[in-house]
C-alpha atoms as a PDB file:
ATOM      1  CA  MET A   1      36.321  -0.603  37.602  1.00  0.00           C
ATOM      2  CA  LYS A   2      38.065  -1.611  34.355  1.00  0.00           C
ATOM      3  CA  LYS A   3      35.358  -4.164  33.604  1.00  0.00           C
ATOM      4  CA  ILE A   4      32.618  -1.566  34.080  1.00  0.00           C
ATOM      5  CA  LEU A   5      34.362   0.860  31.697  1.00  0.00           C
ATOM      6  CA  LEU A   6      34.616  -1.802  29.003  1.00  0.00           C
ATOM      7  CA  SER A   7      30.908  -2.626  29.330  1.00  0.00           C
ATOM      8  CA  ALA A   8      29.994   1.040  29.054  1.00  0.00           C
ATOM      9  CA  ALA A   9      32.134   1.405  25.919  1.00  0.00           C
ATOM     10  CA  ALA A  10      30.483  -1.630  24.369  1.00  0.00           C
ATOM     11  CA  PHE A  11      27.067  -0.156  25.163  1.00  0.00           C
ATOM     12  CA  VAL A  12      27.979   3.148  23.478  1.00  0.00           C
ATOM     13  CA  LEU A  13      29.252   1.278  20.409  1.00  0.00           C
ATOM     14  CA  LEU A  14      26.086  -0.830  20.199  1.00  0.00           C
ATOM     15  CA  THR A  15      23.907   2.280  20.535  1.00  0.00           C
ATOM     16  CA  GLY A  16      25.779   3.913  17.657  1.00  0.00           C
ATOM     17  CA  ILE A  17      25.194   0.876  15.443  1.00  0.00           C
ATOM     18  CA  ILE A  18      21.464   0.874  16.198  1.00  0.00           C
ATOM     19  CA  LYS A  19      21.196   4.583  15.434  1.00  0.00           C
ATOM     20  CA  ALA A  20      22.982   4.033  12.111  1.00  0.00           C
ATOM     21  CA  GLN A  21      20.383   1.539  10.929  1.00  0.00           C
ATOM     22  CA  GLN A  22      17.999   2.664   8.206  1.00  0.00           C
ATOM     23  CA  THR A  23      14.569   3.658   9.530  1.00  0.00           C
ATOM     24  CA  GLN A  24      13.151   5.487   6.505  1.00  0.00           C
ATOM     25  CA  GLY A  25      13.208   5.007   2.775  1.00  0.00           C
ATOM     26  CA  LYS A  26      11.385   4.212  -0.435  1.00  0.00           C
ATOM     27  CA  VAL A  27      11.110   0.820  -2.127  1.00  0.00           C
ATOM     28  CA  VAL A  28       9.943  -0.015  -5.644  1.00  0.00           C
ATOM     29  CA  TYR A  29       8.526  -3.532  -6.064  1.00  0.00           C
ATOM     30  CA  ASN A  30       7.605  -5.590  -9.095  1.00  0.00           C
ATOM     31  CA  ARG A  31       4.373  -7.442  -8.369  1.00  0.00           C
ATOM     32  CA  THR A  32       3.728 -10.421 -10.639  1.00  0.00           C
ATOM     33  CA  VAL A  33       0.366 -12.195 -10.525  1.00  0.00           C
ATOM     34  CA  LYS A  34      -0.436 -15.463 -12.275  1.00  0.00           C
ATOM     35  CA  LEU A  35      -3.770 -15.225 -14.094  1.00  0.00           C
ATOM     36  CA  HIS A  36      -6.302 -18.054 -14.095  1.00  0.00           C
ATOM     37  CA  PHE A  37      -9.278 -17.933 -16.467  1.00  0.00           C
ATOM     38  CA  SER A  38     -12.254 -20.234 -16.895  1.00  0.00           C
ATOM     39  CA  PHE A  39     -14.699 -19.760 -19.791  1.00  0.00           C
ATOM     40  CA  THR A  40     -17.905 -21.784 -20.032  1.00  0.00           C
ATOM     41  CA  GLY A  41     -20.303 -21.829 -22.989  1.00  0.00           C
ATOM     42  CA  MET A  42     -18.027 -19.670 -25.149  1.00  0.00           C
ATOM     43  CA  ALA A  43     -16.009 -20.168 -28.320  1.00  0.00           C
ATOM     44  CA  GLY A  44     -13.100 -22.521 -27.882  1.00  0.00           C
ATOM     45  CA  GLY A  45      -9.574 -21.263 -27.532  1.00  0.00           C
ATOM     46  CA  MET A  46     -10.370 -18.266 -25.350  1.00  0.00           C
ATOM     47  CA  GLU A  47      -8.077 -19.447 -22.556  1.00  0.00           C
ATOM     48  CA  SER A  48      -5.124 -19.721 -24.953  1.00  0.00           C
ATOM     49  CA  GLN A  49      -5.550 -16.076 -25.961  1.00  0.00           C
ATOM     50  CA  MET A  50      -5.258 -14.826 -22.398  1.00  0.00           C
ATOM     51  CA  PRO A  51      -1.905 -13.935 -20.778  1.00  0.00           C
ATOM     52  CA  SER A  52      -0.537 -16.236 -18.076  1.00  0.00           C
ATOM     53  CA  SER A  53       0.653 -13.421 -15.808  1.00  0.00           C
ATOM     54  CA  ARG A  54       0.831  -9.675 -15.312  1.00  0.00           C
ATOM     55  CA  THR A  55       3.548  -7.531 -13.712  1.00  0.00           C
ATOM     56  CA  ASP A  56       3.044  -4.042 -12.252  1.00  0.00           C
ATOM     57  CA  LYS A  57       5.209  -1.693 -10.197  1.00  0.00           C
ATOM     58  CA  TYR A  58       4.332  -0.532  -6.679  1.00  0.00           C
ATOM     59  CA  GLU A  59       5.946   1.908  -4.245  1.00  0.00           C
ATOM     60  CA  LEU A  60       6.365   1.725  -0.480  1.00  0.00           C
ATOM     61  CA  THR A  61       7.444   4.834   1.434  1.00  0.00           C
ATOM     62  CA  PHE A  62       8.220   4.393   5.141  1.00  0.00           C
ATOM     63  CA  GLY A  63       9.435   6.494   8.043  1.00  0.00           C
ATOM     64  CA  ASN A  64       8.427   7.745  11.511  1.00  0.00           C
ATOM     65  CA  ASN A  65       6.905   4.288  12.205  1.00  0.00           C
ATOM     66  CA  GLN A  66       4.411   4.772   9.374  1.00  0.00           C
ATOM     67  CA  SER A  67       4.145   3.645   5.765  1.00  0.00           C
ATOM     68  CA  ILE A  68       2.229   4.410   2.586  1.00  0.00           C
ATOM     69  CA  TRP A  69       1.706   1.891  -0.240  1.00  0.00           C
ATOM     70  CA  ARG A  70       0.512   2.747  -3.752  1.00  0.00           C
ATOM     71  CA  GLN A  71       0.890   1.744  -7.370  1.00  0.00           C
ATOM     72  CA  ALA A  72       3.826   3.406  -9.134  1.00  0.00           C
ATOM     73  CA  GLU A  73       3.303   5.714 -12.073  1.00  0.00           C
ATOM     74  CA  PRO A  74       2.897   3.656 -15.277  1.00  0.00           C
ATOM     75  CA  ASP A  75       5.650   3.758 -17.868  1.00  0.00           C
ATOM     76  CA  ASN A  76       3.157   5.062 -20.424  1.00  0.00           C
ATOM     77  CA  SER A  77      -0.311   6.577 -20.539  1.00  0.00           C
ATOM     78  CA  ASP A  78      -2.024   3.289 -21.422  1.00  0.00           C
ATOM     79  CA  ASP A  79      -3.498   1.985 -18.170  1.00  0.00           C
ATOM     80  CA  GLY A  80      -5.882  -0.389 -19.848  1.00  0.00           C
ATOM     81  CA  GLY A  81      -3.547  -3.072 -21.042  1.00  0.00           C
ATOM     82  CA  PRO A  82      -4.201  -5.348 -24.000  1.00  0.00           C
ATOM     83  CA  THR A  83      -7.608  -6.469 -25.297  1.00  0.00           C
ATOM     84  CA  PHE A  84      -8.338 -10.138 -26.021  1.00  0.00           C
ATOM     85  CA  GLY A  85     -11.167 -12.131 -27.518  1.00  0.00           C
ATOM     86  CA  GLY A  86     -13.151 -12.595 -30.679  1.00  0.00           C
ATOM     87  CA  ASN A  87     -16.554 -13.547 -32.122  1.00  0.00           C
ATOM     88  CA  GLY A  88     -18.111 -10.362 -30.768  1.00  0.00           C
ATOM     89  CA  MET A  89     -16.618 -10.839 -27.301  1.00  0.00           C
ATOM     90  CA  GLN A  90     -13.852  -8.594 -26.026  1.00  0.00           C
ATOM     91  CA  ILE A  91     -12.087  -8.781 -22.690  1.00  0.00           C
ATOM     92  CA  ARG A  92      -9.931  -5.874 -21.628  1.00  0.00           C
ATOM     93  CA  MET A  93      -7.537  -6.362 -18.742  1.00  0.00           C
ATOM     94  CA  VAL A  94      -7.057  -3.471 -16.344  1.00  0.00           C
ATOM     95  CA  VAL A  95      -5.686  -3.268 -12.821  1.00  0.00           C
ATOM     96  CA  ALA A  96      -8.416  -2.146 -10.476  1.00  0.00           C
ATOM     97  CA  GLY A  97      -7.561   0.532  -7.972  1.00  0.00           C
ATOM     98  CA  ALA A  98      -4.640   2.196  -9.739  1.00  0.00           C
ATOM     99  CA  ASN A  99      -5.151   5.181  -7.423  1.00  0.00           C
ATOM    100  CA  ASP A 100      -5.657   3.153  -4.240  1.00  0.00           C
ATOM    101  CA  VAL A 101      -3.562   4.038  -1.200  1.00  0.00           C
ATOM    102  CA  LEU A 102      -2.801   1.973   1.906  1.00  0.00           C
ATOM    103  CA  TYR A 103      -1.613   3.802   5.044  1.00  0.00           C
ATOM    104  CA  ASN A 104      -0.279   2.097   8.183  1.00  0.00           C
ATOM    105  CA  ASN A 105       0.701   3.455  11.593  1.00  0.00           C
ATOM    106  CA  PHE A 106       2.873   0.947  13.460  1.00  0.00           C
ATOM    107  CA  ASN A 107       2.589   2.799  16.780  1.00  0.00           C
ATOM    108  CA  THR A 108      -1.223   2.705  16.928  1.00  0.00           C
ATOM    109  CA  HIS A 109      -1.692  -0.410  14.711  1.00  0.00           C
ATOM    110  CA  LYS A 110      -4.070   1.649  12.588  1.00  0.00           C
ATOM    111  CA  ARG A 111      -4.625   0.859   8.924  1.00  0.00           C
ATOM    112  CA  VAL A 112      -6.549   3.092   6.505  1.00  0.00           C
ATOM    113  CA  GLU A 113      -7.238   2.406   2.829  1.00  0.00           C
ATOM    114  CA  LYS A 114      -8.350   4.737   0.104  1.00  0.00           C
ATOM    115  CA  ARG A 115     -10.041   2.536  -2.487  1.00  0.00           C
ATOM    116  CA  GLU A 116     -11.545   3.598  -5.797  1.00  0.00           C
ATOM    117  CA  PHE A 117     -14.259   1.393  -7.233  1.00  0.00           C
ATOM    118  CA  MET A 118     -16.409   2.275 -10.245  1.00  0.00           C
ATOM    119  CA  ASP A 119     -15.686   6.022  -9.984  1.00  0.00           C
ATOM    120  CA  LYS A 120     -16.473   6.092  -6.264  1.00  0.00           C
ATOM    121  CA  THR A 121     -13.876   6.632  -3.529  1.00  0.00           C
ATOM    122  CA  PHE A 122     -14.054   4.725  -0.226  1.00  0.00           C
ATOM    123  CA  ILE A 123     -12.075   5.416   2.946  1.00  0.00           C
ATOM    124  CA  VAL A 124     -11.845   2.099   4.804  1.00  0.00           C
ATOM    125  CA  ASP A 125     -10.724   1.953   8.448  1.00  0.00           C
ATOM    126  CA  ASP A 126      -9.099  -1.187   9.822  1.00  0.00           C
ATOM    127  CA  THR A 127      -6.378  -2.415  12.160  1.00  0.00           C
ATOM    128  CA  ILE A 128      -3.046  -4.021  11.313  1.00  0.00           C
ATOM    129  CA  SER A 129      -3.103  -7.802  11.701  1.00  0.00           C
ATOM    130  CA  SER A 130      -0.212 -10.233  11.525  1.00  0.00           C
ATOM    131  CA  LEU A 131       0.296 -13.832  10.478  1.00  0.00           C
ATOM    132  CA  GLN A 132       2.019 -16.437  12.659  1.00  0.00           C
ATOM    133  CA  TRP A 133       5.543 -16.375  11.257  1.00  0.00           C
ATOM    134  CA  LYS A 134       8.275 -18.969  11.639  1.00  0.00           C
ATOM    135  CA  MET A 135      11.959 -18.226  11.051  1.00  0.00           C
ATOM    136  CA  ALA A 136      13.406 -20.659   8.509  1.00  0.00           C
ATOM    137  CA  GLY A 137      17.070 -20.149   9.376  1.00  0.00           C
ATOM    138  CA  GLU A 138      18.007 -19.225   5.796  1.00  0.00           C
ATOM    139  CA  THR A 139      19.570 -15.992   4.553  1.00  0.00           C
ATOM    140  CA  LYS A 140      20.357 -14.327   1.230  1.00  0.00           C
ATOM    141  CA  THR A 141      21.363 -10.898  -0.054  1.00  0.00           C
ATOM    142  CA  ILE A 142      18.796  -8.638  -1.740  1.00  0.00           C
ATOM    143  CA  LEU A 143      19.838  -5.200  -3.033  1.00  0.00           C
ATOM    144  CA  GLY A 144      22.943  -5.379  -0.866  1.00  0.00           C
ATOM    145  CA  HIS A 145      21.040  -6.177   2.344  1.00  0.00           C
ATOM    146  CA  ASN A 146      21.295  -9.380   4.336  1.00  0.00           C
ATOM    147  CA  CYS A 147      17.797 -10.888   4.474  1.00  0.00           C
ATOM    148  CA  MET A 148      16.307 -13.656   6.596  1.00  0.00           C
ATOM    149  CA  LYS A 149      13.614 -16.069   5.445  1.00  0.00           C
ATOM    150  CA  ALA A 150      10.292 -16.385   7.283  1.00  0.00           C
ATOM    151  CA  THR A 151       7.254 -18.523   6.448  1.00  0.00           C
ATOM    152  CA  ALA A 152       3.565 -18.434   7.359  1.00  0.00           C
ATOM    153  CA  VAL A 153       0.170 -19.758   6.279  1.00  0.00           C
ATOM    154  CA  ARG A 154      -2.522 -17.263   5.305  1.00  0.00           C
ATOM    155  CA  VAL A 155      -6.177 -18.299   5.477  1.00  0.00           C
ATOM    156  CA  SER A 156      -8.369 -15.725   3.752  1.00  0.00           C
ATOM    157  CA  LYS A 157     -10.958 -15.062   1.091  1.00  0.00           C
ATOM    158  CA  ARG A 158     -10.286 -14.178  -2.532  1.00  0.00           C
ATOM    159  CA  MET A 159     -12.398 -13.073  -5.449  1.00  0.00           C
ATOM    160  CA  SER A 160     -12.898 -15.522  -8.313  1.00  0.00           C
ATOM    161  CA  VAL A 161     -14.004 -14.145 -11.705  1.00  0.00           C
ATOM    162  CA  ASN A 162     -15.629 -16.479 -14.246  1.00  0.00           C
ATOM    163  CA  MET A 163     -17.357 -16.067 -17.614  1.00  0.00           C
ATOM    164  CA  ASP A 164     -20.478 -18.225 -17.952  1.00  0.00           C
ATOM    165  CA  ASN A 165     -22.389 -17.943 -21.271  1.00  0.00           C
ATOM    166  CA  GLY A 166     -21.166 -14.403 -21.771  1.00  0.00           C
ATOM    167  CA  LYS A 167     -21.984 -13.363 -18.217  1.00  0.00           C
ATOM    168  CA  MET A 168     -19.288 -12.273 -15.788  1.00  0.00           C
ATOM    169  CA  GLU A 169     -19.645 -13.813 -12.356  1.00  0.00           C
ATOM    170  CA  ARG A 170     -17.679 -12.849  -9.255  1.00  0.00           C
ATOM    171  CA  LYS A 171     -17.709 -14.869  -6.079  1.00  0.00           C
ATOM    172  CA  GLU A 172     -15.675 -14.957  -2.905  1.00  0.00           C
ATOM    173  CA  ILE A 173     -14.022 -18.281  -2.147  1.00  0.00           C
ATOM    174  CA  ASP A 174     -11.840 -19.640   0.655  1.00  0.00           C
ATOM    175  CA  ASP A 175      -8.138 -19.426  -0.005  1.00  0.00           C
ATOM    176  CA  THR A 176      -5.255 -20.976   1.940  1.00  0.00           C
ATOM    177  CA  ALA A 177      -1.781 -19.909   0.879  1.00  0.00           C
ATOM    178  CA  ASN A 178       1.775 -20.582   1.965  1.00  0.00           C
ATOM    179  CA  VAL A 179       3.647 -17.286   2.307  1.00  0.00           C
ATOM    180  CA  VAL A 180       7.431 -16.872   2.137  1.00  0.00           C
ATOM    181  CA  ALA A 181       9.023 -13.544   3.042  1.00  0.00           C
ATOM    182  CA  TRP A 182      12.602 -12.291   3.035  1.00  0.00           C
ATOM    183  CA  PHE A 183      13.187  -9.335   5.379  1.00  0.00           C
ATOM    184  CA  ALA A 184      16.245  -7.136   5.823  1.00  0.00           C
ATOM    185  CA  THR A 185      17.866  -7.664   9.212  1.00  0.00           C
ATOM    186  CA  ASP A 186      19.625  -4.264   9.054  1.00  0.00           C
ATOM    187  CA  ILE A 187      16.428  -2.238   8.364  1.00  0.00           C
ATOM    188  CA  PRO A 188      14.374  -2.608  11.585  1.00  0.00           C
ATOM    189  CA  VAL A 189      11.123  -1.318  10.110  1.00  0.00           C
ATOM    190  CA  SER A 190       8.029  -3.536  10.164  1.00  0.00           C
ATOM    191  CA  ALA A 191       6.920  -2.621   6.641  1.00  0.00           C
ATOM    192  CA  GLY A 192       6.486  -4.528   3.412  1.00  0.00           C
ATOM    193  CA  PRO A 193       4.358  -5.027   0.312  1.00  0.00           C
ATOM    194  CA  SER A 194       0.590  -4.443   0.211  1.00  0.00           C
ATOM    195  CA  GLU A 195      -1.241  -5.714   3.313  1.00  0.00           C
ATOM    196  CA  PHE A 196       1.921  -7.316   4.745  1.00  0.00           C
ATOM    197  CA  GLN A 197       2.650  -4.438   7.114  1.00  0.00           C
ATOM    198  CA  GLY A 198       3.506  -4.782  10.789  1.00  0.00           C
ATOM    199  CA  GLN A 199       4.488  -8.372  10.162  1.00  0.00           C
ATOM    200  CA  LEU A 200       8.203  -8.903  10.747  1.00  0.00           C
ATOM    201  CA  PRO A 201      11.072  -7.158  12.608  1.00  0.00           C
ATOM    202  CA  GLY A 202      12.609  -5.943   9.348  1.00  0.00           C
ATOM    203  CA  LEU A 203      11.657  -4.488   5.969  1.00  0.00           C
ATOM    204  CA  ILE A 204      10.292  -7.174   3.607  1.00  0.00           C
ATOM    205  CA  LEU A 205      12.119  -7.024   0.269  1.00  0.00           C
ATOM    206  CA  GLU A 206      10.790 -10.176  -1.363  1.00  0.00           C
ATOM    207  CA  MET A 207       7.639 -12.291  -1.028  1.00  0.00           C
ATOM    208  CA  ASP A 208       6.167 -15.418  -2.584  1.00  0.00           C
ATOM    209  CA  ILE A 209       2.475 -16.127  -2.012  1.00  0.00           C
ATOM    210  CA  LYS A 210       0.966 -19.509  -2.827  1.00  0.00           C
ATOM    211  CA  ASP A 211       3.947 -21.027  -4.631  1.00  0.00           C
ATOM    212  CA  GLY A 212       4.384 -18.213  -7.111  1.00  0.00           C
ATOM    213  CA  ASP A 213       0.740 -17.265  -7.678  1.00  0.00           C
ATOM    214  CA  GLN A 214       1.750 -13.786  -6.536  1.00  0.00           C
ATOM    215  CA  THR A 215       5.254 -12.445  -5.965  1.00  0.00           C
ATOM    216  CA  TYR A 216       6.752  -9.139  -4.842  1.00  0.00           C
ATOM    217  CA  VAL A 217      10.411  -8.428  -5.628  1.00  0.00           C
ATOM    218  CA  ALA A 218      12.117  -5.182  -4.618  1.00  0.00           C
ATOM    219  CA  SER A 219      13.951  -3.646  -7.584  1.00  0.00           C
ATOM    220  CA  PHE A 220      15.050  -0.365  -5.974  1.00  0.00           C
ATOM    221  CA  LEU A 221      15.635   0.874  -2.425  1.00  0.00           C
ATOM    222  CA  ASP A 222      16.371   4.484  -1.491  1.00  0.00           C
ATOM    223  CA  GLU A 223      17.712   5.276   1.980  1.00  0.00           C
ATOM    224  CA  LYS A 224      15.836   8.591   2.061  1.00  0.00           C
ATOM    225  CA  ALA A 225      12.132   9.320   1.714  1.00  0.00           C
ATOM    226  CA  ASP A 226       9.824  12.294   1.396  1.00  0.00           C
ATOM    227  CA  LEU A 227       8.080  11.837   4.727  1.00  0.00           C
ATOM    228  CA  THR A 228       5.461  14.477   3.846  1.00  0.00           C
ATOM    229  CA  THR A 229       3.905  11.953   1.451  1.00  0.00           C
ATOM    230  CA  ILE A 230       3.077   9.567   4.317  1.00  0.00           C
ATOM    231  CA  LYS A 231      -0.375  10.830   5.208  1.00  0.00           C
ATOM    232  CA  GLU A 232      -3.533   9.091   6.368  1.00  0.00           C
ATOM    233  CA  PRO A 233      -6.236   9.200   3.641  1.00  0.00           C
ATOM    234  CA  THR A 234      -9.200  11.368   4.580  1.00  0.00           C
ATOM    235  CA  GLY A 235     -12.809  11.577   3.426  1.00  0.00           C
ATOM    236  CA  LYS A 236     -16.261  12.669   4.524  1.00  0.00           C
ATOM    237  CA  LYS A 237     -17.571   9.121   4.923  1.00  0.00           C
ATOM    238  CA  ARG A 238     -15.614   6.213   6.331  1.00  0.00           C
ATOM    239  CA  TYR A 239     -16.375   2.494   6.076  1.00  0.00           C
ATOM    240  CA  THR A 240     -15.415  -0.666   7.884  1.00  0.00           C
ATOM    241  CA  GLN A 241     -14.121  -3.570   5.784  1.00  0.00           C
ATOM    242  CA  GLU A 242     -17.502  -5.299   5.979  1.00  0.00           C
ATOM    243  CA  GLU A 243     -19.381  -2.155   4.983  1.00  0.00           C
ATOM    244  CA  TYR A 244     -17.065  -1.656   2.021  1.00  0.00           C
ATOM    245  CA  LYS A 245     -17.509  -5.239   0.805  1.00  0.00           C
ATOM    246  CA  LYS A 246     -21.311  -4.956   0.974  1.00  0.00           C
ATOM    247  CA  GLU A 247     -21.269  -1.682  -0.968  1.00  0.00           C
ATOM    248  CA  ARG A 248     -18.873  -3.123  -3.571  1.00  0.00           C
ATOM    249  CA  ASP A 249     -20.999  -6.222  -4.126  1.00  0.00           C
ATOM    250  CA  LYS A 250     -24.136  -4.104  -4.478  1.00  0.00           C
ATOM    251  CA  MET A 251     -22.454  -1.935  -7.102  1.00  0.00           C
ATOM    252  CA  MET A 252     -21.262  -5.003  -9.030  1.00  0.00           C
ATOM    253  CA  GLU A 253     -24.754  -6.492  -9.074  1.00  0.00           C
ATOM    254  CA  GLU A 254     -26.175  -3.225 -10.346  1.00  0.00           C
ATOM    255  CA  MET A 255     -23.556  -3.035 -13.099  1.00  0.00           C
ATOM    256  CA  GLN A 256     -24.350  -6.602 -14.156  1.00  0.00           C
ATOM    257  CA  ARG A 257     -28.068  -5.817 -14.411  1.00  0.00           C
ATOM    258  CA  ASN A 258     -27.424  -2.712 -16.495  1.00  0.00           C
ATOM    259  CA  ASN A 259     -24.911  -4.363 -18.814  1.00  0.00           C
ATOM    260  CA  PRO A 260     -25.708  -8.080 -19.206  1.00  0.00           C
ATOM    261  CA  GLY A 261     -23.734  -8.481 -22.455  1.00  0.00           C
ATOM    262  CA  GLY A 262     -21.109  -6.891 -24.667  1.00  0.00           C
ATOM    263  CA  ASN A 263     -17.558  -5.993 -23.800  1.00  0.00           C
ATOM    264  CA  ARG A 264     -16.166  -7.219 -20.505  1.00  0.00           C
ATOM    265  CA  ILE A 265     -13.484  -5.805 -18.237  1.00  0.00           C
ATOM    266  CA  ILE A 266     -11.615  -8.300 -16.081  1.00  0.00           C
ATOM    267  CA  ARG A 267     -10.258  -6.592 -12.981  1.00  0.00           C
ATOM    268  CA  MET A 268      -7.594  -7.879 -10.603  1.00  0.00           C
ATOM    269  CA  ASN A 269      -8.395  -7.072  -6.950  1.00  0.00           C
END
């Protein structure tokens, strides 16, 4: 009888610990992207005038087994960033999709994106997918939380932007990237930066994609969240990922035909 009572007490204690774990909150991340430019048939020195990286802030709000991901409010009203170039050629860097929203439901594995492209809003339906993760057996502390290291390989497509004789060309190329994630073992929520939702058994607080080509580092973590902000984006017309890509490419081709020269805007997608 004594042994049974001890086991029951241990069970109650364990249940209390699980209930005390954080299951909602808000995270602010710094996303840093390395920039790679290639200019052909243009004045020399253009590459040296371009920045080597760009850092922007993003917010993740999670709770009730759902999450919402969006870009944080800029520190100032200038969302265009600096302008580079010369000899009649100007390139202005902006971050595409400053008003984009990514919603995830971990119960139904549903993923919905609100994407803005060339003044048009798209609602894109998809499902949450996950990489094949391996636990690396390493730990470190991030924002006061014990985090475990996990690694994976992502095989995907990415957009390459090139300038060829004053003409902007975009093309989709194969991309294989090593991914390193650090997730909090005491926050059992399968959320994280950008598309890395539903991936690991804890909140991802830091990520490195392709040996530093893109990094996410949590700079702030609040234990409470305004759960009313976690809403699925809605719209009259909805698209699949393939339908959205076809529509986007068609719009880009039309823009190129209507504006073959002059100022250029390089967008990061």
